[in-house]
Amino acid sequence: MTHSDLARHIVAVCRDLYEKGFVTATDGNVSTRLPNGNILATPTSVNKGRVHENDLVEVTLDGVPVGAGRAPSMELGMHLFVYRERPDVRAVVHAHPPYATGFATARIPLDQPLFPEVIFGLGAIPLAEFAAPSTPEMAASIAPFVKSSNAILLMNHGVVTYGRDLDDAYFKMEKVEHAAHIVFVARTLGGEKTLTAEQVQKLKSVFNQQRME
């Protein structure tokens, strides 16, 4: 995709986040790798439901702004850390979806094998230790999980997801929130019941067989 295509895509993801209530006011941030290796990201202090393509900020992988314009999101450092640690990642989304952020605030990870869509779509969703937003500690807090997970709960803060493109990163955010909502409902009905190791292995066998066909 071209720079312009990716800019339009970021704006579309921001609108989706805002319309679904995953972010409010100027919360959250979205970024993607550009063909030239730099990062295109949302700026600081802009409502995601109103952001425009010309608001977006280009920076190097070291966070140096390219050209004049708005200041990048203060949480961009976390995005850049993910890109440096995961060359396969091409997009990062950070938001505050209510149910998932509720679990992050209750300090409960979503790391149990509960249903196939999460097992294969996300895997375990760990809980990173608390780090003050916009500080270098945010990157340090996710460091233990960033190479093995594609979605992380941020203690008392929110969620970060990342993937092969903007849609993949955004859909992972939707899956995290959906999983958190289901677990919340299950707990009102007596508590969630995890799949056994045998059931998980059976699912993996079926999944692997389908991929081979």
N, C-alpha and C. Protein backbone atom coordinates (compact mmCIF):
# COMPACT_ATOMS: atom_id res chain seq x y z
N MET A 1 0.84 -1.20 0.00
CA MET A 1 0.00 0.00 0.00
C MET A 1 0.87 1.25 0.00
N THR A 2 0.39 2.30 -0.62
CA THR A 2 1.13 3.56 -0.65
C THR A 2 0.95 4.32 0.66
N HIS A 3 1.74 5.38 0.82
CA HIS A 3 1.63 6.26 1.98
C HIS A 3 0.19 6.77 2.12
N SER A 4 -0.40 7.22 1.02
CA SER A 4 -1.77 7.74 1.06
C SER A 4 -2.78 6.67 1.44
N ASP A 5 -2.60 5.46 0.89
CA ASP A 5 -3.50 4.35 1.23
C ASP A 5 -3.44 4.05 2.73
N LEU A 6 -2.23 4.00 3.26
CA LEU A 6 -2.05 3.69 4.68
C LEU A 6 -2.62 4.79 5.56
N ALA A 7 -2.46 6.04 5.14
CA ALA A 7 -3.02 7.16 5.90
C ALA A 7 -4.54 7.04 5.97
N ARG A 8 -5.17 6.74 4.84
CA ARG A 8 -6.62 6.57 4.83
C ARG A 8 -7.04 5.40 5.71
N HIS A 9 -6.24 4.37 5.71
CA HIS A 9 -6.56 3.18 6.50
C HIS A 9 -6.46 3.48 7.99
N ILE A 10 -5.45 4.23 8.40
CA ILE A 10 -5.34 4.62 9.81
C ILE A 10 -6.57 5.40 10.24
N VAL A 11 -6.98 6.35 9.42
CA VAL A 11 -8.17 7.16 9.74
C VAL A 11 -9.40 6.26 9.88
N ALA A 12 -9.55 5.28 9.00
CA ALA A 12 -10.69 4.37 9.07
C ALA A 12 -10.66 3.55 10.36
N VAL A 13 -9.48 3.08 10.76
CA VAL A 13 -9.36 2.32 12.01
C VAL A 13 -9.69 3.21 13.20
N CYS A 14 -9.22 4.44 13.17
CA CYS A 14 -9.53 5.38 14.26
C CYS A 14 -11.03 5.59 14.40
N ARG A 15 -11.71 5.74 13.27
CA ARG A 15 -13.17 5.92 13.31
C ARG A 15 -13.84 4.68 13.90
N ASP A 16 -13.37 3.50 13.49
CA ASP A 16 -13.93 2.25 14.04
C ASP A 16 -13.75 2.19 15.55
N LEU A 17 -12.56 2.52 16.02
CA LEU A 17 -12.30 2.51 17.46
C LEU A 17 -13.23 3.46 18.19
N TYR A 18 -13.39 4.65 17.64
CA TYR A 18 -14.23 5.66 18.29
C TYR A 18 -15.69 5.25 18.28
N GLU A 19 -16.17 4.78 17.14
CA GLU A 19 -17.59 4.43 17.02
C GLU A 19 -17.96 3.22 17.87
N LYS A 20 -17.02 2.33 18.11
CA LYS A 20 -17.29 1.17 18.96
C LYS A 20 -17.11 1.48 20.44
N GLY A 21 -16.69 2.68 20.77
CA GLY A 21 -16.50 3.04 22.17
C GLY A 21 -15.22 2.48 22.77
N PHE A 22 -14.27 2.11 21.91
CA PHE A 22 -12.99 1.61 22.40
C PHE A 22 -12.07 2.75 22.83
N VAL A 23 -12.35 3.97 22.38
CA VAL A 23 -11.62 5.16 22.80
C VAL A 23 -12.61 6.30 22.97
N THR A 24 -12.26 7.24 23.81
CA THR A 24 -13.06 8.46 23.98
C THR A 24 -12.12 9.66 23.96
N ALA A 25 -12.71 10.83 23.72
CA ALA A 25 -11.93 12.08 23.71
C ALA A 25 -10.69 11.91 22.83
N THR A 26 -9.51 12.13 23.39
CA THR A 26 -8.28 12.03 22.59
C THR A 26 -7.48 10.77 22.92
N ASP A 27 -8.15 9.79 23.55
CA ASP A 27 -7.46 8.57 23.95
C ASP A 27 -7.04 7.72 22.75
N GLY A 28 -6.11 6.80 23.01
CA GLY A 28 -5.73 5.79 22.04
C GLY A 28 -4.77 6.29 20.97
N ASN A 29 -4.17 5.34 20.27
CA ASN A 29 -3.26 5.68 19.17
C ASN A 29 -3.11 4.50 18.23
N VAL A 30 -2.81 4.82 16.97
CA VAL A 30 -2.72 3.83 15.90
C VAL A 30 -1.49 4.16 15.06
N SER A 31 -0.78 3.13 14.61
CA SER A 31 0.39 3.38 13.76
C SER A 31 0.57 2.23 12.78
N THR A 32 1.37 2.49 11.74
CA THR A 32 1.69 1.46 10.76
C THR A 32 3.06 1.72 10.16
N ARG A 33 3.70 0.67 9.68
CA ARG A 33 4.96 0.83 8.95
C ARG A 33 4.67 1.35 7.55
N LEU A 34 5.53 2.22 7.09
CA LEU A 34 5.45 2.74 5.73
C LEU A 34 6.39 1.95 4.81
N PRO A 35 6.17 2.02 3.51
CA PRO A 35 7.07 1.31 2.58
C PRO A 35 8.53 1.71 2.73
N ASN A 36 8.80 2.94 3.18
CA ASN A 36 10.18 3.40 3.33
C ASN A 36 10.81 2.99 4.66
N GLY A 37 10.06 2.24 5.49
CA GLY A 37 10.59 1.78 6.77
C GLY A 37 10.27 2.68 7.94
N ASN A 38 9.78 3.90 7.67
CA ASN A 38 9.36 4.78 8.75
C ASN A 38 7.99 4.36 9.28
N ILE A 39 7.54 5.08 10.30
CA ILE A 39 6.26 4.79 10.95
C ILE A 39 5.32 5.97 10.77
N LEU A 40 4.08 5.69 10.40
CA LEU A 40 3.04 6.71 10.30
C LEU A 40 2.10 6.49 11.47
N ALA A 41 1.84 7.56 12.24
CA ALA A 41 1.09 7.40 13.49
C ALA A 41 0.13 8.55 13.72
N THR A 42 -0.83 8.30 14.60
CA THR A 42 -1.74 9.36 15.01
C THR A 42 -0.99 10.37 15.88
N PRO A 43 -1.41 11.62 15.84
CA PRO A 43 -0.75 12.66 16.63
C PRO A 43 -1.29 12.70 18.06
N THR A 44 -0.66 13.47 18.88
CA THR A 44 -1.15 13.67 20.23
C THR A 44 -2.35 14.61 20.24
N SER A 45 -3.23 14.42 21.21
CA SER A 45 -4.33 15.35 21.51
C SER A 45 -5.30 15.56 20.35
N VAL A 46 -5.63 14.49 19.64
CA VAL A 46 -6.62 14.57 18.56
C VAL A 46 -7.66 13.48 18.78
N ASN A 47 -8.93 13.86 18.72
CA ASN A 47 -10.03 12.91 18.84
C ASN A 47 -9.99 11.92 17.68
N LYS A 48 -10.06 10.64 17.99
CA LYS A 48 -9.92 9.63 16.93
C LYS A 48 -11.14 9.57 16.02
N GLY A 49 -12.25 10.11 16.47
CA GLY A 49 -13.41 10.18 15.59
C GLY A 49 -13.34 11.34 14.62
N ARG A 50 -12.38 12.25 14.83
CA ARG A 50 -12.27 13.44 13.98
C ARG A 50 -10.91 13.56 13.30
N VAL A 51 -10.04 12.60 13.50
CA VAL A 51 -8.70 12.70 12.93
C VAL A 51 -8.77 12.65 11.40
N HIS A 52 -7.87 13.39 10.76
CA HIS A 52 -7.80 13.42 9.29
C HIS A 52 -6.41 12.96 8.84
N GLU A 53 -6.32 12.62 7.57
CA GLU A 53 -5.06 12.12 7.03
C GLU A 53 -3.92 13.11 7.21
N ASN A 54 -4.21 14.40 7.05
CA ASN A 54 -3.13 15.38 7.16
C ASN A 54 -2.73 15.66 8.61
N ASP A 55 -3.43 15.04 9.58
CA ASP A 55 -3.03 15.15 10.99
C ASP A 55 -1.93 14.16 11.34
N LEU A 56 -1.79 13.11 10.55
CA LEU A 56 -0.89 12.01 10.90
C LEU A 56 0.57 12.44 10.85
N VAL A 57 1.38 11.74 11.62
CA VAL A 57 2.78 12.11 11.80
C VAL A 57 3.68 10.97 11.34
N GLU A 58 4.70 11.31 10.56
CA GLU A 58 5.70 10.31 10.15
C GLU A 58 6.94 10.46 11.01
N VAL A 59 7.43 9.34 11.53
CA VAL A 59 8.66 9.35 12.33
C VAL A 59 9.55 8.19 11.87
N THR A 60 10.83 8.29 12.20
CA THR A 60 11.73 7.17 11.96
C THR A 60 11.49 6.11 13.04
N LEU A 61 12.12 4.96 12.87
CA LEU A 61 11.97 3.89 13.84
C LEU A 61 12.58 4.27 15.19
N ASP A 62 13.39 5.33 15.20
CA ASP A 62 13.95 5.85 16.45
C ASP A 62 13.11 6.98 17.02
N GLY A 63 12.00 7.30 16.36
CA GLY A 63 11.10 8.32 16.88
C GLY A 63 11.39 9.73 16.44
N VAL A 64 12.28 9.91 15.48
CA VAL A 64 12.61 11.26 15.00
C VAL A 64 11.56 11.69 13.97
N PRO A 65 10.88 12.83 14.20
CA PRO A 65 9.86 13.29 13.25
C PRO A 65 10.46 13.58 11.88
N VAL A 66 9.69 13.25 10.84
CA VAL A 66 10.09 13.53 9.46
C VAL A 66 9.24 14.69 8.96
N GLY A 67 9.86 15.84 8.78
CA GLY A 67 9.12 17.01 8.32
C GLY A 67 8.40 17.72 9.46
N ALA A 68 7.74 18.81 9.10
CA ALA A 68 6.99 19.60 10.08
C ALA A 68 5.60 19.02 10.26
N GLY A 69 4.93 19.47 11.30
CA GLY A 69 3.56 18.99 11.53
C GLY A 69 3.28 18.84 13.01
N ARG A 70 2.25 18.11 13.32
CA ARG A 70 1.85 17.89 14.70
C ARG A 70 2.87 17.01 15.43
N ALA A 71 2.80 17.05 16.75
CA ALA A 71 3.63 16.17 17.56
C ALA A 71 3.01 14.77 17.57
N PRO A 72 3.83 13.73 17.55
CA PRO A 72 3.28 12.38 17.60
C PRO A 72 2.68 12.06 18.96
N SER A 73 1.89 11.01 19.01
CA SER A 73 1.31 10.57 20.28
C SER A 73 2.40 10.38 21.32
N MET A 74 2.10 10.74 22.56
CA MET A 74 3.08 10.59 23.62
C MET A 74 3.34 9.13 23.96
N GLU A 75 2.48 8.23 23.48
CA GLU A 75 2.67 6.80 23.74
C GLU A 75 3.30 6.08 22.55
N LEU A 76 3.83 6.85 21.60
CA LEU A 76 4.42 6.25 20.41
C LEU A 76 5.61 5.36 20.74
N GLY A 77 6.29 5.67 21.84
CA GLY A 77 7.44 4.86 22.22
C GLY A 77 7.11 3.39 22.37
N MET A 78 5.91 3.10 22.88
CA MET A 78 5.48 1.70 23.01
C MET A 78 5.34 1.06 21.63
N HIS A 79 4.76 1.79 20.68
CA HIS A 79 4.63 1.29 19.31
C HIS A 79 6.00 1.00 18.71
N LEU A 80 6.92 1.95 18.85
CA LEU A 80 8.25 1.79 18.26
C LEU A 80 8.98 0.60 18.85
N PHE A 81 8.78 0.37 20.14
CA PHE A 81 9.39 -0.80 20.77
C PHE A 81 8.88 -2.09 20.14
N VAL A 82 7.57 -2.15 19.90
CA VAL A 82 7.00 -3.34 19.26
C VAL A 82 7.61 -3.53 17.87
N TYR A 83 7.69 -2.46 17.08
CA TYR A 83 8.26 -2.57 15.73
C TYR A 83 9.71 -3.04 15.75
N ARG A 84 10.48 -2.54 16.71
CA ARG A 84 11.89 -2.94 16.77
C ARG A 84 12.04 -4.40 17.19
N GLU A 85 11.18 -4.84 18.10
CA GLU A 85 11.27 -6.22 18.60
C GLU A 85 10.64 -7.23 17.65
N ARG A 86 9.68 -6.78 16.85
CA ARG A 86 8.93 -7.68 15.98
C ARG A 86 8.95 -7.18 14.54
N PRO A 87 9.96 -7.55 13.76
CA PRO A 87 10.04 -7.11 12.36
C PRO A 87 8.84 -7.54 11.53
N ASP A 88 8.12 -8.58 11.97
CA ASP A 88 6.95 -9.05 11.24
C ASP A 88 5.73 -8.16 11.43
N VAL A 89 5.73 -7.34 12.46
CA VAL A 89 4.59 -6.48 12.78
C VAL A 89 4.60 -5.24 11.89
N ARG A 90 3.44 -4.93 11.31
CA ARG A 90 3.33 -3.76 10.44
C ARG A 90 2.28 -2.76 10.93
N ALA A 91 1.61 -3.06 12.05
CA ALA A 91 0.63 -2.11 12.59
C ALA A 91 0.42 -2.37 14.07
N VAL A 92 0.20 -1.28 14.81
CA VAL A 92 -0.02 -1.35 16.26
C VAL A 92 -1.23 -0.49 16.60
N VAL A 93 -2.09 -1.02 17.48
CA VAL A 93 -3.28 -0.29 17.94
C VAL A 93 -3.29 -0.31 19.46
N HIS A 94 -3.50 0.85 20.06
CA HIS A 94 -3.66 0.96 21.51
C HIS A 94 -4.99 1.65 21.80
N ALA A 95 -5.80 1.03 22.66
CA ALA A 95 -7.12 1.57 22.96
C ALA A 95 -7.53 1.19 24.37
N HIS A 96 -8.73 1.63 24.76
CA HIS A 96 -9.26 1.37 26.09
C HIS A 96 -10.65 0.75 26.02
N PRO A 97 -10.82 -0.39 25.35
CA PRO A 97 -12.14 -1.01 25.28
C PRO A 97 -12.62 -1.36 26.69
N PRO A 98 -13.89 -1.07 27.01
CA PRO A 98 -14.35 -1.12 28.40
C PRO A 98 -14.19 -2.46 29.12
N TYR A 99 -14.62 -3.55 28.51
CA TYR A 99 -14.54 -4.83 29.22
C TYR A 99 -13.09 -5.27 29.40
N ALA A 100 -12.31 -5.19 28.34
CA ALA A 100 -10.91 -5.60 28.44
C ALA A 100 -10.15 -4.70 29.41
N THR A 101 -10.43 -3.40 29.38
CA THR A 101 -9.77 -2.49 30.30
C THR A 101 -10.25 -2.74 31.73
N GLY A 102 -11.49 -3.19 31.86
CA GLY A 102 -11.98 -3.59 33.18
C GLY A 102 -11.16 -4.74 33.75
N PHE A 103 -10.87 -5.74 32.91
CA PHE A 103 -10.04 -6.85 33.37
C PHE A 103 -8.63 -6.36 33.69
N ALA A 104 -8.10 -5.46 32.86
CA ALA A 104 -6.77 -4.91 33.13
C ALA A 104 -6.74 -4.15 34.45
N THR A 105 -7.84 -3.46 34.76
CA THR A 105 -7.93 -2.69 36.00
C THR A 105 -8.14 -3.60 37.20
N ALA A 106 -8.85 -4.71 36.99
CA ALA A 106 -9.01 -5.71 38.05
C ALA A 106 -7.77 -6.59 38.17
N ARG A 107 -6.83 -6.39 37.26
CA ARG A 107 -5.55 -7.10 37.22
C ARG A 107 -5.76 -8.60 37.01
N ILE A 108 -6.62 -8.90 36.03
CA ILE A 108 -6.93 -10.28 35.67
C ILE A 108 -6.54 -10.52 34.22
N PRO A 109 -5.54 -11.33 33.95
CA PRO A 109 -5.20 -11.62 32.55
C PRO A 109 -6.26 -12.50 31.90
N LEU A 110 -6.30 -12.48 30.59
CA LEU A 110 -7.21 -13.34 29.84
C LEU A 110 -6.37 -14.42 29.17
N ASP A 111 -5.79 -15.26 29.99
CA ASP A 111 -4.78 -16.19 29.49
C ASP A 111 -5.17 -17.66 29.61
N GLN A 112 -6.47 -17.93 29.77
CA GLN A 112 -6.93 -19.31 29.87
C GLN A 112 -7.53 -19.79 28.54
N PRO A 113 -7.41 -21.08 28.23
CA PRO A 113 -8.00 -21.61 26.99
C PRO A 113 -9.51 -21.76 27.14
N LEU A 114 -10.26 -20.83 26.57
CA LEU A 114 -11.70 -20.81 26.78
C LEU A 114 -12.51 -21.13 25.54
N PHE A 115 -12.11 -20.58 24.38
CA PHE A 115 -12.86 -20.88 23.15
C PHE A 115 -11.93 -20.75 21.94
N PRO A 116 -12.25 -21.48 20.88
CA PRO A 116 -11.33 -21.59 19.74
C PRO A 116 -10.89 -20.27 19.14
N GLU A 117 -11.82 -19.32 19.02
CA GLU A 117 -11.50 -18.06 18.35
C GLU A 117 -10.36 -17.32 19.03
N VAL A 118 -10.29 -17.43 20.36
CA VAL A 118 -9.21 -16.77 21.09
C VAL A 118 -7.94 -17.61 21.06
N ILE A 119 -8.08 -18.91 21.20
CA ILE A 119 -6.91 -19.79 21.19
C ILE A 119 -6.12 -19.62 19.90
N PHE A 120 -6.83 -19.57 18.76
CA PHE A 120 -6.15 -19.47 17.48
C PHE A 120 -5.99 -18.04 16.98
N GLY A 121 -6.91 -17.17 17.36
CA GLY A 121 -6.84 -15.80 16.88
C GLY A 121 -5.91 -14.92 17.68
N LEU A 122 -5.70 -15.28 18.97
CA LEU A 122 -4.91 -14.43 19.85
C LEU A 122 -3.91 -15.19 20.70
N GLY A 123 -4.29 -16.37 21.16
CA GLY A 123 -3.48 -17.06 22.15
C GLY A 123 -3.73 -16.45 23.51
N ALA A 124 -2.87 -16.74 24.46
CA ALA A 124 -3.02 -16.16 25.79
C ALA A 124 -2.85 -14.64 25.72
N ILE A 125 -3.68 -13.94 26.50
CA ILE A 125 -3.60 -12.47 26.55
C ILE A 125 -3.06 -12.11 27.93
N PRO A 126 -1.76 -11.84 28.03
CA PRO A 126 -1.15 -11.59 29.34
C PRO A 126 -1.44 -10.19 29.87
N LEU A 127 -1.07 -9.99 31.11
CA LEU A 127 -1.25 -8.69 31.78
C LEU A 127 0.12 -8.11 32.09
N ALA A 128 0.42 -6.96 31.49
CA ALA A 128 1.69 -6.28 31.76
C ALA A 128 1.59 -5.47 33.04
N GLU A 129 2.69 -5.34 33.73
CA GLU A 129 2.73 -4.53 34.95
C GLU A 129 2.40 -3.08 34.64
N PHE A 130 1.92 -2.37 35.65
CA PHE A 130 1.53 -0.97 35.44
C PHE A 130 2.75 -0.12 35.09
N ALA A 131 2.54 0.76 34.13
CA ALA A 131 3.54 1.76 33.76
C ALA A 131 2.80 3.04 33.45
N ALA A 132 3.30 4.15 33.91
CA ALA A 132 2.64 5.42 33.66
C ALA A 132 2.61 5.69 32.16
N PRO A 133 1.45 6.07 31.62
CA PRO A 133 1.35 6.37 30.19
C PRO A 133 2.37 7.42 29.77
N SER A 134 2.86 7.26 28.57
CA SER A 134 3.77 8.23 27.94
C SER A 134 5.19 8.19 28.50
N THR A 135 5.50 7.17 29.31
CA THR A 135 6.86 7.05 29.86
C THR A 135 7.58 5.87 29.21
N PRO A 136 8.92 5.86 29.29
CA PRO A 136 9.68 4.72 28.75
C PRO A 136 9.32 3.40 29.43
N GLU A 137 8.77 3.49 30.64
CA GLU A 137 8.40 2.27 31.36
C GLU A 137 7.31 1.47 30.64
N MET A 138 6.54 2.13 29.75
CA MET A 138 5.50 1.40 29.02
C MET A 138 6.12 0.31 28.16
N ALA A 139 7.20 0.64 27.46
CA ALA A 139 7.87 -0.36 26.64
C ALA A 139 8.45 -1.47 27.52
N ALA A 140 9.04 -1.08 28.64
CA ALA A 140 9.63 -2.08 29.53
C ALA A 140 8.56 -3.02 30.08
N SER A 141 7.36 -2.51 30.31
CA SER A 141 6.31 -3.33 30.90
C SER A 141 5.82 -4.43 29.96
N ILE A 142 5.85 -4.17 28.65
CA ILE A 142 5.38 -5.19 27.71
C ILE A 142 6.51 -6.07 27.19
N ALA A 143 7.74 -5.72 27.53
CA ALA A 143 8.90 -6.45 27.01
C ALA A 143 8.84 -7.96 27.24
N PRO A 144 8.37 -8.43 28.41
CA PRO A 144 8.35 -9.89 28.62
C PRO A 144 7.39 -10.64 27.69
N PHE A 145 6.46 -9.92 27.07
CA PHE A 145 5.39 -10.58 26.31
C PHE A 145 5.39 -10.28 24.81
N VAL A 146 6.10 -9.26 24.40
CA VAL A 146 5.91 -8.73 23.05
C VAL A 146 6.29 -9.73 21.96
N LYS A 147 7.25 -10.59 22.21
CA LYS A 147 7.67 -11.55 21.18
C LYS A 147 6.77 -12.77 21.11
N SER A 148 6.08 -13.08 22.20
CA SER A 148 5.27 -14.29 22.25
C SER A 148 3.77 -14.03 22.17
N SER A 149 3.35 -12.78 22.29
CA SER A 149 1.93 -12.43 22.28
C SER A 149 1.66 -11.36 21.24
N ASN A 150 0.41 -11.32 20.78
CA ASN A 150 -0.01 -10.29 19.83
C ASN A 150 -1.07 -9.36 20.41
N ALA A 151 -1.38 -9.57 21.69
CA ALA A 151 -2.33 -8.72 22.40
C ALA A 151 -1.95 -8.74 23.87
N ILE A 152 -1.89 -7.57 24.49
CA ILE A 152 -1.45 -7.46 25.88
C ILE A 152 -2.38 -6.51 26.63
N LEU A 153 -2.84 -6.94 27.80
CA LEU A 153 -3.56 -6.03 28.69
C LEU A 153 -2.54 -5.18 29.42
N LEU A 154 -2.80 -3.88 29.52
CA LEU A 154 -1.92 -2.95 30.21
C LEU A 154 -2.56 -2.62 31.55
N MET A 155 -1.94 -3.04 32.63
CA MET A 155 -2.53 -2.92 33.96
C MET A 155 -3.04 -1.52 34.25
N ASN A 156 -4.32 -1.44 34.66
CA ASN A 156 -4.96 -0.17 35.01
C ASN A 156 -4.86 0.87 33.89
N HIS A 157 -4.91 0.41 32.64
CA HIS A 157 -4.71 1.35 31.54
C HIS A 157 -5.54 0.98 30.31
N GLY A 158 -5.25 -0.15 29.66
CA GLY A 158 -5.95 -0.47 28.42
C GLY A 158 -5.39 -1.71 27.77
N VAL A 159 -5.32 -1.68 26.43
CA VAL A 159 -4.90 -2.85 25.65
C VAL A 159 -4.02 -2.38 24.49
N VAL A 160 -3.04 -3.19 24.14
CA VAL A 160 -2.28 -2.96 22.91
C VAL A 160 -2.32 -4.24 22.09
N THR A 161 -2.58 -4.09 20.79
CA THR A 161 -2.58 -5.22 19.86
C THR A 161 -1.74 -4.86 18.65
N TYR A 162 -1.24 -5.87 17.96
CA TYR A 162 -0.41 -5.60 16.78
C TYR A 162 -0.48 -6.80 15.85
N GLY A 163 -0.19 -6.52 14.55
CA GLY A 163 -0.33 -7.59 13.58
C GLY A 163 0.31 -7.28 12.25
N ARG A 164 -0.04 -8.09 11.25
CA ARG A 164 0.61 -8.01 9.94
C ARG A 164 0.17 -6.80 9.13
N ASP A 165 -0.96 -6.19 9.50
CA ASP A 165 -1.43 -4.97 8.85
C ASP A 165 -2.45 -4.30 9.77
N LEU A 166 -2.97 -3.16 9.35
CA LEU A 166 -3.88 -2.40 10.20
C LEU A 166 -5.15 -3.17 10.53
N ASP A 167 -5.71 -3.85 9.54
CA ASP A 167 -6.92 -4.64 9.81
C ASP A 167 -6.63 -5.72 10.85
N ASP A 168 -5.53 -6.42 10.68
CA ASP A 168 -5.18 -7.49 11.60
C ASP A 168 -5.03 -6.97 13.02
N ALA A 169 -4.32 -5.86 13.19
CA ALA A 169 -4.14 -5.29 14.53
C ALA A 169 -5.47 -4.83 15.11
N TYR A 170 -6.31 -4.19 14.28
CA TYR A 170 -7.61 -3.72 14.77
C TYR A 170 -8.53 -4.88 15.12
N PHE A 171 -8.58 -5.90 14.26
CA PHE A 171 -9.47 -7.04 14.54
C PHE A 171 -9.04 -7.78 15.80
N LYS A 172 -7.75 -7.79 16.08
CA LYS A 172 -7.29 -8.37 17.35
C LYS A 172 -7.85 -7.59 18.53
N MET A 173 -7.93 -6.27 18.40
CA MET A 173 -8.52 -5.45 19.46
C MET A 173 -9.99 -5.83 19.66
N GLU A 174 -10.71 -6.00 18.56
CA GLU A 174 -12.11 -6.44 18.67
C GLU A 174 -12.21 -7.79 19.35
N LYS A 175 -11.32 -8.72 19.00
CA LYS A 175 -11.35 -10.06 19.60
C LYS A 175 -11.07 -10.01 21.09
N VAL A 176 -10.11 -9.18 21.50
CA VAL A 176 -9.81 -9.05 22.93
C VAL A 176 -11.04 -8.55 23.68
N GLU A 177 -11.68 -7.52 23.17
CA GLU A 177 -12.86 -6.98 23.84
C GLU A 177 -14.00 -7.99 23.87
N HIS A 178 -14.19 -8.71 22.76
CA HIS A 178 -15.24 -9.72 22.71
C HIS A 178 -14.97 -10.83 23.72
N ALA A 179 -13.72 -11.26 23.81
CA ALA A 179 -13.35 -12.29 24.78
C ALA A 179 -13.59 -11.81 26.21
N ALA A 180 -13.20 -10.58 26.50
CA ALA A 180 -13.40 -10.04 27.84
C ALA A 180 -14.88 -9.96 28.18
N HIS A 181 -15.69 -9.57 27.21
CA HIS A 181 -17.14 -9.48 27.44
C HIS A 181 -17.71 -10.87 27.74
N ILE A 182 -17.30 -11.87 26.97
CA ILE A 182 -17.80 -13.23 27.19
C ILE A 182 -17.39 -13.74 28.58
N VAL A 183 -16.15 -13.51 28.97
CA VAL A 183 -15.70 -13.95 30.29
C VAL A 183 -16.48 -13.23 31.38
N PHE A 184 -16.74 -11.95 31.19
CA PHE A 184 -17.53 -11.18 32.16
C PHE A 184 -18.92 -11.80 32.32
N VAL A 185 -19.56 -12.12 31.19
CA VAL A 185 -20.89 -12.74 31.23
C VAL A 185 -20.81 -14.11 31.91
N ALA A 186 -19.79 -14.89 31.56
CA ALA A 186 -19.64 -16.22 32.16
C ALA A 186 -19.52 -16.13 33.67
N ARG A 187 -18.85 -15.10 34.15
CA ARG A 187 -18.67 -14.97 35.59
C ARG A 187 -19.96 -14.59 36.30
N THR A 188 -20.87 -13.95 35.60
CA THR A 188 -22.18 -13.67 36.20
C THR A 188 -23.04 -14.93 36.24
N LEU A 189 -22.65 -15.95 35.48
CA LEU A 189 -23.41 -17.21 35.41
C LEU A 189 -22.72 -18.34 36.16
N GLY A 190 -21.79 -17.97 37.01
CA GLY A 190 -21.14 -18.98 37.84
C GLY A 190 -19.67 -19.20 37.56
N GLY A 191 -19.14 -18.55 36.53
CA GLY A 191 -17.72 -18.65 36.25
C GLY A 191 -17.41 -19.39 34.97
N GLU A 192 -16.33 -18.96 34.30
CA GLU A 192 -15.94 -19.60 33.05
C GLU A 192 -15.33 -20.97 33.33
N LYS A 193 -15.47 -21.87 32.38
CA LYS A 193 -14.89 -23.22 32.48
C LYS A 193 -13.88 -23.37 31.34
N THR A 194 -12.65 -23.64 31.69
CA THR A 194 -11.61 -23.73 30.67
C THR A 194 -11.66 -25.07 29.95
N LEU A 195 -11.16 -25.07 28.72
CA LEU A 195 -11.02 -26.31 27.98
C LEU A 195 -9.88 -27.14 28.58
N THR A 196 -10.00 -28.44 28.49
CA THR A 196 -8.94 -29.31 28.98
C THR A 196 -7.78 -29.32 28.00
N ALA A 197 -6.64 -29.82 28.46
CA ALA A 197 -5.48 -29.93 27.58
C ALA A 197 -5.79 -30.81 26.38
N GLU A 198 -6.57 -31.87 26.60
CA GLU A 198 -6.94 -32.77 25.52
C GLU A 198 -7.83 -32.05 24.50
N GLN A 199 -8.76 -31.25 24.99
CA GLN A 199 -9.65 -30.50 24.08
C GLN A 199 -8.86 -29.48 23.26
N VAL A 200 -7.92 -28.82 23.90
CA VAL A 200 -7.09 -27.85 23.18
C VAL A 200 -6.25 -28.55 22.12
N GLN A 201 -5.69 -29.70 22.46
CA GLN A 201 -4.89 -30.45 21.49
C GLN A 201 -5.73 -30.90 20.31
N LYS A 202 -6.97 -31.31 20.58
CA LYS A 202 -7.87 -31.71 19.51
C LYS A 202 -8.15 -30.53 18.58
N LEU A 203 -8.40 -29.36 19.16
CA LEU A 203 -8.62 -28.16 18.35
C LEU A 203 -7.41 -27.86 17.48
N LYS A 204 -6.23 -27.97 18.06
CA LYS A 204 -5.01 -27.68 17.31
C LYS A 204 -4.83 -28.67 16.16
N SER A 205 -5.17 -29.92 16.41
CA SER A 205 -5.04 -30.93 15.35
C SER A 205 -5.98 -30.62 14.20
N VAL A 206 -7.22 -30.25 14.53
CA VAL A 206 -8.20 -29.90 13.50
C VAL A 206 -7.74 -28.67 12.73
N PHE A 207 -7.26 -27.67 13.47
CA PHE A 207 -6.81 -26.42 12.84
C PHE A 207 -5.63 -26.68 11.90
N ASN A 208 -4.66 -27.46 12.37
CA ASN A 208 -3.48 -27.74 11.55
C ASN A 208 -3.85 -28.55 10.31
N GLN A 209 -4.80 -29.47 10.45
CA GLN A 209 -5.23 -30.27 9.32
C GLN A 209 -5.90 -29.40 8.27
N GLN A 210 -6.73 -28.46 8.72
CA GLN A 210 -7.42 -27.56 7.79
C GLN A 210 -6.44 -26.67 7.06
N ARG A 211 -5.36 -26.26 7.72
CA ARG A 211 -4.35 -25.41 7.08
C ARG A 211 -3.59 -26.18 6.01
N MET A 212 -3.46 -27.47 6.19
CA MET A 212 -2.71 -28.29 5.24
C MET A 212 -3.54 -28.63 4.01
N GLU A 213 -4.86 -28.61 4.13
CA GLU A 213 -5.73 -29.02 3.01
C GLU A 213 -5.84 -27.92 1.96
